[in-house]
Amino acid sequence: MNQENDTVTVLTASEFDQAIEAALKNAGYSLEELQTQARTGVFGSELARRTWFAVAAFVD
């Protein structure tokens, strides 16, 4: 493991929410749309699937 690149960034709650919103915007889907895609198992794109994988644990 390259310790020179091991960086931890601590976010405020507001910054974290902004990061989630930015990921959703980048994927081109709302949270509700990704939740529906996850329920059906059919994602609109690979980016949508990856975004869901990244944000699912942090949203209700």
PDB file of N, CA and C in Angstrom:
ATOM      1  N   MET A   1       0.845  -1.165   0.000  1.00  0.00           N
ATOM      2  CA  MET A   1       0.000   0.000   0.000  1.00  0.00           C
ATOM      3  C   MET A   1       0.893   1.232   0.000  1.00  0.00           C
ATOM      4  N   ASN A   2       0.582   2.187  -0.853  1.00  0.00           N
ATOM      5  CA  ASN A   2       1.342   3.424  -0.941  1.00  0.00           C
ATOM      6  C   ASN A   2       0.818   4.413   0.091  1.00  0.00           C
ATOM      7  N   GLN A   3       1.551   4.594   1.163  1.00  0.00           N
ATOM      8  CA  GLN A   3       1.082   5.442   2.256  1.00  0.00           C
ATOM      9  C   GLN A   3       1.094   6.921   1.895  1.00  0.00           C
ATOM     10  N   GLU A   4       1.830   7.314   0.877  1.00  0.00           N
ATOM     11  CA  GLU A   4       1.832   8.712   0.461  1.00  0.00           C
ATOM     12  C   GLU A   4       0.469   9.146  -0.056  1.00  0.00           C
ATOM     13  N   ASN A   5      -0.317   8.224  -0.563  1.00  0.00           N
ATOM     14  CA  ASN A   5      -1.625   8.542  -1.120  1.00  0.00           C
ATOM     15  C   ASN A   5      -2.779   8.134  -0.217  1.00  0.00           C
ATOM     16  N   ASP A   6      -2.486   7.686   0.981  1.00  0.00           N
ATOM     17  CA  ASP A   6      -3.540   7.289   1.912  1.00  0.00           C
ATOM     18  C   ASP A   6      -4.055   8.523   2.634  1.00  0.00           C
ATOM     19  N   THR A   7      -5.129   9.084   2.119  1.00  0.00           N
ATOM     20  CA  THR A   7      -5.675  10.316   2.664  1.00  0.00           C
ATOM     21  C   THR A   7      -7.114  10.077   3.094  1.00  0.00           C
ATOM     22  N   VAL A   8      -7.454  10.592   4.244  1.00  0.00           N
ATOM     23  CA  VAL A   8      -8.823  10.540   4.741  1.00  0.00           C
ATOM     24  C   VAL A   8      -9.346  11.970   4.754  1.00  0.00           C
ATOM     25  N   THR A   9     -10.496  12.172   4.132  1.00  0.00           N
ATOM     26  CA  THR A   9     -11.122  13.487   4.134  1.00  0.00           C
ATOM     27  C   THR A   9     -12.364  13.424   5.002  1.00  0.00           C
ATOM     28  N   VAL A  10     -12.420  14.290   5.984  1.00  0.00           N
ATOM     29  CA  VAL A  10     -13.562  14.343   6.879  1.00  0.00           C
ATOM     30  C   VAL A  10     -14.508  15.416   6.357  1.00  0.00           C
ATOM     31  N   LEU A  11     -15.780  15.042   6.176  1.00  0.00           N
ATOM     32  CA  LEU A  11     -16.786  15.966   5.667  1.00  0.00           C
ATOM     33  C   LEU A  11     -17.779  16.331   6.753  1.00  0.00           C
ATOM     34  N   THR A  12     -18.280  17.536   6.671  1.00  0.00           N
ATOM     35  CA  THR A  12     -19.406  17.900   7.533  1.00  0.00           C
ATOM     36  C   THR A  12     -20.643  17.222   6.971  1.00  0.00           C
ATOM     37  N   ALA A  13     -21.710  17.211   7.726  1.00  0.00           N
ATOM     38  CA  ALA A  13     -22.966  16.617   7.240  1.00  0.00           C
ATOM     39  C   ALA A  13     -23.422  17.309   5.968  1.00  0.00           C
ATOM     40  N   SER A  14     -23.286  18.606   5.914  1.00  0.00           N
ATOM     41  CA  SER A  14     -23.686  19.367   4.730  1.00  0.00           C
ATOM     42  C   SER A  14     -22.825  19.006   3.523  1.00  0.00           C
ATOM     43  N   GLU A  15     -21.529  18.900   3.720  1.00  0.00           N
ATOM     44  CA  GLU A  15     -20.632  18.511   2.630  1.00  0.00           C
ATOM     45  C   GLU A  15     -20.934  17.100   2.149  1.00  0.00           C
ATOM     46  N   PHE A  16     -21.260  16.214   3.076  1.00  0.00           N
ATOM     47  CA  PHE A  16     -21.594  14.843   2.711  1.00  0.00           C
ATOM     48  C   PHE A  16     -22.860  14.818   1.857  1.00  0.00           C
ATOM     49  N   ASP A  17     -23.875  15.563   2.277  1.00  0.00           N
ATOM     50  CA  ASP A  17     -25.112  15.648   1.495  1.00  0.00           C
ATOM     51  C   ASP A  17     -24.837  16.198   0.100  1.00  0.00           C
ATOM     52  N   GLN A  18     -23.974  17.199   0.019  1.00  0.00           N
ATOM     53  CA  GLN A  18     -23.608  17.770  -1.276  1.00  0.00           C
ATOM     54  C   GLN A  18     -22.895  16.743  -2.150  1.00  0.00           C
ATOM     55  N   ALA A  19     -22.061  15.918  -1.550  1.00  0.00           N
ATOM     56  CA  ALA A  19     -21.350  14.878  -2.303  1.00  0.00           C
ATOM     57  C   ALA A  19     -22.330  13.845  -2.858  1.00  0.00           C
ATOM     58  N   ILE A  20     -23.318  13.463  -2.066  1.00  0.00           N
ATOM     59  CA  ILE A  20     -24.337  12.516  -2.531  1.00  0.00           C
ATOM     60  C   ILE A  20     -25.117  13.133  -3.685  1.00  0.00           C
ATOM     61  N   GLU A  21     -25.537  14.387  -3.519  1.00  0.00           N
ATOM     62  CA  GLU A  21     -26.280  15.076  -4.577  1.00  0.00           C
ATOM     63  C   GLU A  21     -25.449  15.196  -5.853  1.00  0.00           C
ATOM     64  N   ALA A  22     -24.165  15.471  -5.718  1.00  0.00           N
ATOM     65  CA  ALA A  22     -23.289  15.578  -6.882  1.00  0.00           C
ATOM     66  C   ALA A  22     -23.164  14.233  -7.596  1.00  0.00           C
ATOM     67  N   ALA A  23     -23.071  13.158  -6.837  1.00  0.00           N
ATOM     68  CA  ALA A  23     -22.979  11.818  -7.442  1.00  0.00           C
ATOM     69  C   ALA A  23     -24.258  11.494  -8.211  1.00  0.00           C
ATOM     70  N   LEU A  24     -25.402  11.820  -7.614  1.00  0.00           N
ATOM     71  CA  LEU A  24     -26.676  11.571  -8.288  1.00  0.00           C
ATOM     72  C   LEU A  24     -26.786  12.402  -9.559  1.00  0.00           C
ATOM     73  N   LYS A  25     -26.402  13.666  -9.467  1.00  0.00           N
ATOM     74  CA  LYS A  25     -26.455  14.544 -10.643  1.00  0.00           C
ATOM     75  C   LYS A  25     -25.539  14.023 -11.740  1.00  0.00           C
ATOM     76  N   ASN A  26     -24.342  13.594 -11.362  1.00  0.00           N
ATOM     77  CA  ASN A  26     -23.391  13.063 -12.330  1.00  0.00           C
ATOM     78  C   ASN A  26     -23.938  11.825 -13.027  1.00  0.00           C
ATOM     79  N   ALA A  27     -24.666  10.998 -12.278  1.00  0.00           N
ATOM     80  CA  ALA A  27     -25.254   9.789 -12.857  1.00  0.00           C
ATOM     81  C   ALA A  27     -26.474  10.113 -13.709  1.00  0.00           C
ATOM     82  N   GLY A  28     -27.096  11.267 -13.451  1.00  0.00           N
ATOM     83  CA  GLY A  28     -28.258  11.661 -14.238  1.00  0.00           C
ATOM     84  C   GLY A  28     -29.568  11.100 -13.721  1.00  0.00           C
ATOM     85  N   TYR A  29     -29.592  10.697 -12.449  1.00  0.00           N
ATOM     86  CA  TYR A  29     -30.798  10.117 -11.858  1.00  0.00           C
ATOM     87  C   TYR A  29     -31.051  10.710 -10.488  1.00  0.00           C
ATOM     88  N   SER A  30     -32.314  10.755 -10.104  1.00  0.00           N
ATOM     89  CA  SER A  30     -32.658  11.144  -8.742  1.00  0.00           C
ATOM     90  C   SER A  30     -32.474   9.930  -7.834  1.00  0.00           C
ATOM     91  N   LEU A  31     -32.468  10.182  -6.542  1.00  0.00           N
ATOM     92  CA  LEU A  31     -32.373   9.087  -5.586  1.00  0.00           C
ATOM     93  C   LEU A  31     -33.538   8.129  -5.761  1.00  0.00           C
ATOM     94  N   GLU A  32     -34.723   8.674  -5.939  1.00  0.00           N
ATOM     95  CA  GLU A  32     -35.913   7.831  -6.104  1.00  0.00           C
ATOM     96  C   GLU A  32     -35.806   6.953  -7.353  1.00  0.00           C
ATOM     97  N   GLU A  33     -35.264   7.513  -8.423  1.00  0.00           N
ATOM     98  CA  GLU A  33     -35.092   6.722  -9.647  1.00  0.00           C
ATOM     99  C   GLU A  33     -34.098   5.586  -9.434  1.00  0.00           C
ATOM    100  N   LEU A  34     -33.010   5.867  -8.738  1.00  0.00           N
ATOM    101  CA  LEU A  34     -32.034   4.803  -8.471  1.00  0.00           C
ATOM    102  C   LEU A  34     -32.600   3.751  -7.527  1.00  0.00           C
ATOM    103  N   GLN A  35     -33.401   4.177  -6.557  1.00  0.00           N
ATOM    104  CA  GLN A  35     -34.026   3.205  -5.662  1.00  0.00           C
ATOM    105  C   GLN A  35     -34.941   2.268  -6.446  1.00  0.00           C
ATOM    106  N   THR A  36     -35.691   2.807  -7.386  1.00  0.00           N
ATOM    107  CA  THR A  36     -36.569   1.987  -8.226  1.00  0.00           C
ATOM    108  C   THR A  36     -35.747   1.024  -9.073  1.00  0.00           C
ATOM    109  N   GLN A  37     -34.678   1.535  -9.665  1.00  0.00           N
ATOM    110  CA  GLN A  37     -33.820   0.681 -10.482  1.00  0.00           C
ATOM    111  C   GLN A  37     -33.215  -0.437  -9.632  1.00  0.00           C
ATOM    112  N   ALA A  38     -32.827  -0.108  -8.419  1.00  0.00           N
ATOM    113  CA  ALA A  38     -32.245  -1.127  -7.534  1.00  0.00           C
ATOM    114  C   ALA A  38     -33.281  -2.186  -7.176  1.00  0.00           C
ATOM    115  N   ARG A  39     -34.512  -1.763  -6.918  1.00  0.00           N
ATOM    116  CA  ARG A  39     -35.576  -2.733  -6.588  1.00  0.00           C
ATOM    117  C   ARG A  39     -35.825  -3.702  -7.737  1.00  0.00           C
ATOM    118  N   THR A  40     -35.794  -3.177  -8.960  1.00  0.00           N
ATOM    119  CA  THR A  40     -36.061  -4.034 -10.123  1.00  0.00           C
ATOM    120  C   THR A  40     -34.816  -4.782 -10.587  1.00  0.00           C
ATOM    121  N   GLY A  41     -33.648  -4.273 -10.165  1.00  0.00           N
ATOM    122  CA  GLY A  41     -32.400  -4.899 -10.600  1.00  0.00           C
ATOM    123  C   GLY A  41     -31.999  -4.513 -12.005  1.00  0.00           C
ATOM    124  N   VAL A  42     -32.696  -3.538 -12.574  1.00  0.00           N
ATOM    125  CA  VAL A  42     -32.404  -3.085 -13.937  1.00  0.00           C
ATOM    126  C   VAL A  42     -31.984  -1.619 -13.862  1.00  0.00           C
ATOM    127  N   PHE A  43     -30.698  -1.380 -14.070  1.00  0.00           N
ATOM    128  CA  PHE A  43     -30.175  -0.024 -13.998  1.00  0.00           C
ATOM    129  C   PHE A  43     -30.092   0.572 -15.394  1.00  0.00           C
ATOM    130  N   GLY A  44     -30.289   1.876 -15.459  1.00  0.00           N
ATOM    131  CA  GLY A  44     -30.274   2.573 -16.736  1.00  0.00           C
ATOM    132  C   GLY A  44     -28.909   2.651 -17.374  1.00  0.00           C
ATOM    133  N   SER A  45     -27.876   2.475 -16.566  1.00  0.00           N
ATOM    134  CA  SER A  45     -26.510   2.508 -17.074  1.00  0.00           C
ATOM    135  C   SER A  45     -25.581   1.895 -16.031  1.00  0.00           C
ATOM    136  N   GLU A  46     -24.372   1.635 -16.453  1.00  0.00           N
ATOM    137  CA  GLU A  46     -23.364   1.134 -15.519  1.00  0.00           C
ATOM    138  C   GLU A  46     -23.050   2.205 -14.481  1.00  0.00           C
ATOM    139  N   LEU A  47     -23.038   3.470 -14.897  1.00  0.00           N
ATOM    140  CA  LEU A  47     -22.793   4.556 -13.949  1.00  0.00           C
ATOM    141  C   LEU A  47     -23.907   4.619 -12.909  1.00  0.00           C
ATOM    142  N   ALA A  48     -25.141   4.401 -13.313  1.00  0.00           N
ATOM    143  CA  ALA A  48     -26.254   4.388 -12.365  1.00  0.00           C
ATOM    144  C   ALA A  48     -26.063   3.270 -11.343  1.00  0.00           C
ATOM    145  N   ARG A  49     -25.673   2.102 -11.795  1.00  0.00           N
ATOM    146  CA  ARG A  49     -25.448   0.967 -10.889  1.00  0.00           C
ATOM    147  C   ARG A  49     -24.327   1.272  -9.906  1.00  0.00           C
ATOM    148  N   ARG A  50     -23.246   1.821 -10.408  1.00  0.00           N
ATOM    149  CA  ARG A  50     -22.104   2.135  -9.541  1.00  0.00           C
ATOM    150  C   ARG A  50     -22.450   3.242  -8.546  1.00  0.00           C
ATOM    151  N   THR A  51     -23.218   4.210  -9.000  1.00  0.00           N
ATOM    152  CA  THR A  51     -23.631   5.286  -8.098  1.00  0.00           C
ATOM    153  C   THR A  51     -24.494   4.727  -6.990  1.00  0.00           C
ATOM    154  N   TRP A  52     -25.434   3.852  -7.336  1.00  0.00           N
ATOM    155  CA  TRP A  52     -26.282   3.242  -6.322  1.00  0.00           C
ATOM    156  C   TRP A  52     -25.439   2.461  -5.321  1.00  0.00           C
ATOM    157  N   PHE A  53     -24.484   1.710  -5.825  1.00  0.00           N
ATOM    158  CA  PHE A  53     -23.621   0.929  -4.943  1.00  0.00           C
ATOM    159  C   PHE A  53     -22.892   1.854  -3.967  1.00  0.00           C
ATOM    160  N   ALA A  54     -22.483   3.032  -4.449  1.00  0.00           N
ATOM    161  CA  ALA A  54     -21.738   3.960  -3.600  1.00  0.00           C
ATOM    162  C   ALA A  54     -22.611   4.675  -2.577  1.00  0.00           C
ATOM    163  N   VAL A  55     -23.854   4.991  -2.932  1.00  0.00           N
ATOM    164  CA  VAL A  55     -24.681   5.812  -2.040  1.00  0.00           C
ATOM    165  C   VAL A  55     -25.710   5.022  -1.227  1.00  0.00           C
ATOM    166  N   ALA A  56     -25.989   3.815  -1.600  1.00  0.00           N
ATOM    167  CA  ALA A  56     -27.098   3.060  -0.988  1.00  0.00           C
ATOM    168  C   ALA A  56     -26.971   2.941   0.526  1.00  0.00           C
ATOM    169  N   ALA A  57     -25.789   2.739   1.019  1.00  0.00           N
ATOM    170  CA  ALA A  57     -25.617   2.552   2.466  1.00  0.00           C
ATOM    171  C   ALA A  57     -25.828   3.835   3.259  1.00  0.00           C
ATOM    172  N   PHE A  58     -25.877   4.958   2.570  1.00  0.00           N
ATOM    173  CA  PHE A  58     -25.945   6.249   3.256  1.00  0.00           C
ATOM    174  C   PHE A  58     -27.281   6.961   3.118  1.00  0.00           C
ATOM    175  N   VAL A  59     -28.231   6.324   2.459  1.00  0.00           N
ATOM    176  CA  VAL A  59     -29.535   6.953   2.265  1.00  0.00           C
ATOM    177  C   VAL A  59     -30.623   6.036   2.831  1.00  0.00           C
ATOM    178  N   ASP A  60     -31.739   6.632   3.157  1.00  0.00           N
ATOM    179  CA  ASP A  60     -32.860   5.853   3.706  1.00  0.00           C
ATOM    180  C   ASP A  60     -33.672   5.221   2.601  1.00  0.00           C
TER     181      ASP A  60
END
